[in-house]
Amino acid sequence: MSLKLKNDWNYMGEDRWNWEVYLVSDDPKELAQVQKVKYILHPTFPKPIRVIDKSTGGFRLKTNGWGTFQIQAFAYFKGGDKVKLEHELYLAYDPSSGTSP
């Protein structure tokens, strides 16, 4: 299984970032079998559990915040299986926008 999470960021100033987390895979067929992704954000977020069922952009969740934390997610497959994923949110001042390693 090659599913993993990545994130993009854009520094907005005053220690705030717009960021997106999404699902990627080396195998497009594997990604096509995902039905939805449940993201579990830091408990300080309003609605820290968010479900994305639109596959566009890798089940992309868009939000903003001021610090890093470990994102947990569950990818649910069309056949009924699920897999747990974790990703340390990556944010940077310089460059002011980019993609996590």
Protein backbone atom coordinates (compact mmCIF):
# COMPACT_ATOMS: atom_id res chain seq x y z
CA MET A 1 0.00 0.00 0.00
CA SER A 2 1.44 3.36 -1.01
CA LEU A 3 -1.23 5.71 0.36
CA LYS A 4 0.09 8.65 2.37
CA LEU A 5 -0.87 12.16 3.37
CA LYS A 6 0.82 15.34 2.23
CA ASN A 7 0.08 18.99 2.85
CA ASP A 8 0.44 22.31 1.06
CA TRP A 9 0.80 25.61 2.89
CA ASN A 10 0.67 29.33 2.25
CA TYR A 11 1.94 31.71 4.94
CA MET A 12 -0.53 34.56 5.42
CA GLY A 13 1.45 36.61 7.97
CA GLU A 14 1.14 37.11 11.71
CA ASP A 15 1.85 33.41 12.38
CA ARG A 16 -1.15 32.18 10.33
CA TRP A 17 -1.16 29.73 7.43
CA ASN A 18 -3.75 28.54 4.97
CA TRP A 19 -3.10 24.85 4.44
CA GLU A 20 -4.50 21.78 2.76
CA VAL A 21 -4.01 18.11 3.55
CA TYR A 22 -4.69 15.41 0.99
CA LEU A 23 -4.18 11.78 0.04
CA VAL A 24 -1.55 10.65 -2.50
CA SER A 25 -0.50 7.27 -3.84
CA ASP A 26 2.11 5.88 -6.21
CA ASP A 27 -0.66 3.68 -7.59
CA PRO A 28 -3.59 5.57 -9.22
CA LYS A 29 -5.72 2.40 -9.03
CA GLU A 30 -5.30 2.31 -5.26
CA LEU A 31 -6.34 5.94 -4.92
CA ALA A 32 -9.37 5.29 -7.14
CA GLN A 33 -10.61 2.66 -4.66
CA VAL A 34 -10.88 5.19 -1.82
CA GLN A 35 -14.46 6.23 -1.06
CA LYS A 36 -13.84 8.87 1.61
CA VAL A 37 -11.26 10.15 4.09
CA LYS A 38 -11.98 11.02 7.71
CA TYR A 39 -9.47 13.57 9.07
CA ILE A 40 -8.90 14.03 12.78
CA LEU A 41 -7.47 17.47 13.49
CA HIS A 42 -6.14 18.96 16.72
CA PRO A 43 -8.98 19.21 19.29
CA THR A 44 -8.72 23.03 19.33
CA PHE A 45 -10.23 23.16 15.80
CA PRO A 46 -13.94 23.76 15.41
CA LYS A 47 -15.28 20.41 14.24
CA PRO A 48 -11.94 18.55 14.61
CA ILE A 49 -13.34 15.47 12.83
CA ARG A 50 -14.01 16.14 9.16
CA VAL A 51 -15.06 13.74 6.42
CA ILE A 52 -14.22 14.44 2.78
CA ASP A 53 -16.00 12.31 0.19
CA LYS A 54 -15.00 14.24 -2.96
CA SER A 55 -11.98 12.58 -4.54
CA THR A 56 -10.93 15.70 -6.46
CA GLY A 57 -7.38 16.63 -5.48
CA GLY A 58 -6.95 13.56 -3.29
CA PHE A 59 -9.83 14.14 -0.86
CA ARG A 60 -8.44 17.58 -0.09
CA LEU A 61 -9.26 19.28 3.22
CA LYS A 62 -8.68 23.06 3.22
CA THR A 63 -8.36 25.05 6.44
CA ASN A 64 -6.03 27.41 8.30
CA GLY A 65 -4.23 27.69 11.59
CA TRP A 66 -1.18 28.82 13.48
CA GLY A 67 0.83 25.71 14.40
CA THR A 68 1.82 22.19 13.53
CA PHE A 69 0.41 18.96 14.93
CA GLN A 70 0.00 15.35 13.92
CA ILE A 71 -2.99 14.78 11.65
CA GLN A 72 -4.63 11.39 11.80
CA ALA A 73 -6.84 10.13 9.01
CA PHE A 74 -8.75 7.05 7.98
CA ALA A 75 -9.06 6.20 4.30
CA TYR A 76 -12.22 4.16 3.66
CA PHE A 77 -12.21 1.91 0.61
CA LYS A 78 -15.17 1.08 -1.61
CA GLY A 79 -14.87 -2.58 -0.58
CA GLY A 80 -15.38 -1.75 3.11
CA ASP A 81 -11.77 -1.82 4.36
CA LYS A 82 -10.10 1.17 5.98
CA VAL A 83 -6.52 2.18 6.70
CA LYS A 84 -5.17 4.59 9.32
CA LEU A 85 -2.72 7.26 8.19
CA GLU A 86 -0.72 9.88 10.10
CA HIS A 87 1.05 13.02 8.94
CA GLU A 88 2.92 15.74 10.79
CA LEU A 89 1.56 19.01 9.40
CA TYR A 90 4.45 20.88 7.78
CA LEU A 91 4.37 24.69 7.72
CA ALA A 92 7.20 27.13 6.92
CA TYR A 93 7.84 30.85 6.87
CA ASP A 94 10.43 30.52 4.10
CA PRO A 95 9.45 29.56 1.52
CA SER A 96 6.10 31.14 2.25
CA SER A 97 4.29 28.43 0.27
CA GLY A 98 5.04 24.87 -0.69
CA THR A 99 4.36 21.16 -0.28
CA SER A 100 5.42 18.94 2.59
CA PRO A 101 8.31 16.54 1.99
